[in-house]
Amino acid sequence: MALYGAFSSSMLGMMSQAASLRTIGVNISNVNTGGFKSGTTQFSTLLSNSLDHVSDIGGVRPKEKINVSQQGNVVATDKPSDVAISGSGFFILNSAQDGSGQTFYGRDGSFDMKTVNVIDTITAGTNTIEVKDGYLSDKNGYFVQGWAYTNGTVSTSGSPSSMRIDARAFLDRFEATTEGTLAMNIPADAEVGDTEIYTIEMVNSLGELKSIQLTFTKTGVNSWQIMPKTDGTQDPMVDTVTLGGTVEAGDTYQINIDGILFSRTAAVDGEDVGTELVNLIAANPTISAKLTPTTTAGSNVVTLTALNATNTFYTTASTGEGVTGPTADTTASVSSNRATYSTFGSNGQMTSPTTITYNLNFAANTDTTDSVTDGAIGTTSMTLDIANLTQFYGGFIPHSYTKDGFASSNMRSFYFDEVGNVVGVFEDNTFRKIYKVSLGVFANPNGLTQVNGNLFTANEMSGEAEIKSAGNDGYALFMPNAVELSNVDIAEEFTRMMMTQTAYNASSTVFKTTDEMTTVARDLKR
């Protein structure tokens, strides 16, 4: 009888509205939950099957739909580690630090640091403190995935990985200084011989921040000498004198050092004149106070090494045939004791040179006649742009100094920019891009499978994620110091609640009326 089918349809109606009310309750309870996506209950017709395709039982079946693609409310926070996505896409998360775990997708950008591996131990009295590395993670402890910057650039073509953000994460990364720019005014009314000193900083090949003292000495009209001085020991000057030809009895070989002539006439064929000349030079107190002569027996090669980097000398050599010429003064890897002369025009502007190249050496100060070997040596070649030096009246006034490179340093903090870069703030007051956060984009985000923690996983309905980067691919931008809350609309939820209550009451009235009518039908046979 069709009347009994009304029990089924009204009961299914009440059950469906109860399911809708449950969805509304979940939405309202998560109105301020980060990354939560609201659901709506949709209904489909339910019919029973019979042999003659005629049904006397009908009803409705509820089905919940999650509004994943709808943007949630974005609110500002005071945490630099918080970031919200404005647009499409999801944060890519992995349950394992090495990327071997399960992949999840989410919109909640309230991130923090999760410590993982022990990288050092510190003993303080009887206590041992373990130092662990830390990685960017979400509230569920899953690791946020991104790409690392290398030498100032980032490649988004590879697979993203977990991002280490602890203070020591970039301690082994540095970039030696190669270029600097100096702008200043040198006093035009200075007297010849007047000096001015200015100290600049640069990063050596060991990643250490070092100082270079530039001494400006006026040498003439519109002419200045610029002499650099490092905070370490420079290699001494070295001259090598080769006594060429075959030594025969009666041949005379001479070496002139700073105007002092040392001469040896061979007594026999093949005489070791190099050793004889070294003995003569070493016996001279004036020259031996500046340098040390050495030779290898039979080589006829005399090496003259300055006692320190500040000592300089000029050398010529000649043979018995009267051939003479200066030897080349060379510096072994370090030439920061070299002076550079700057010339200014009548208008006070620099005319030459516009750049200076210094080969600099930094090490512990020692009194040695050889290159420094006790400990590591940091070196670098730096080109200093001095085109902006001027010579006007008004004193020695530095305007600006800039350089490239950065020193080895602990990371103090970090923040996000609008295209998803993680920018590190370091103790040397530099700001460096260290990572770029990756985004997972789906063809059908509403088809994702919802799991605990306001996260989602991919399935056949959603399709596989396309890994994109914010800004470049046009999918989304990031909002730093903000988080995305739920996309629940309270007013809409209360409207649905009243509609659900009305529909439930109507179904219950149908059920009650059907019961009364069946009671009447039952009593008719009496």
Foldseek 3Di string as FASTA:
>chain_A
DLLVLLLQALVQLLVQLVVQVVQLVVLVVQLFFFQFWGKGKDKDKAFDQDPVRDGSHIHIDIDIFTPNQDFFDKDFFPDQQAKFWFFFFWFWWAQDQFRPGDIWTTGWRPKDKDFDAFDDWDDDPPDIDTDTWIWIDDPVRTFTWFFWDDPQDTDPPDGTGIGTDAQQPQLQDWFWWAEKEWAWEAAQPDDQQDKDKDKDWTAFPRQDIWIKIWIWGHHDRQKIKTAIDTPAFFFWKKFKDADDDWQAAQKKKWKAKQRDIQIDGHHHTQDQVQVVSQVVQCPDPVNVQFWHWDDDGSRRMIMTFGQGHLGDIWMKMDMSVGDMDTTDIDGDQFDSRDMDMWGADPVFFTDDDQKDKGWDKHDHYDRGRGPDDDDDITIDIYIYGHRNYGHYHDHITIDDMDIDMHGRFTFDDWHADFFQFIWTQTPVRDIGGTIGGKTWGWPCSSPWDADPPSITDDDPVGDGTDIDTGPVVPRIIMDGSMTGGYRRDSVVSVVSSVVSVVSSVVSVVSSVVSVVVVVVVVVPVD
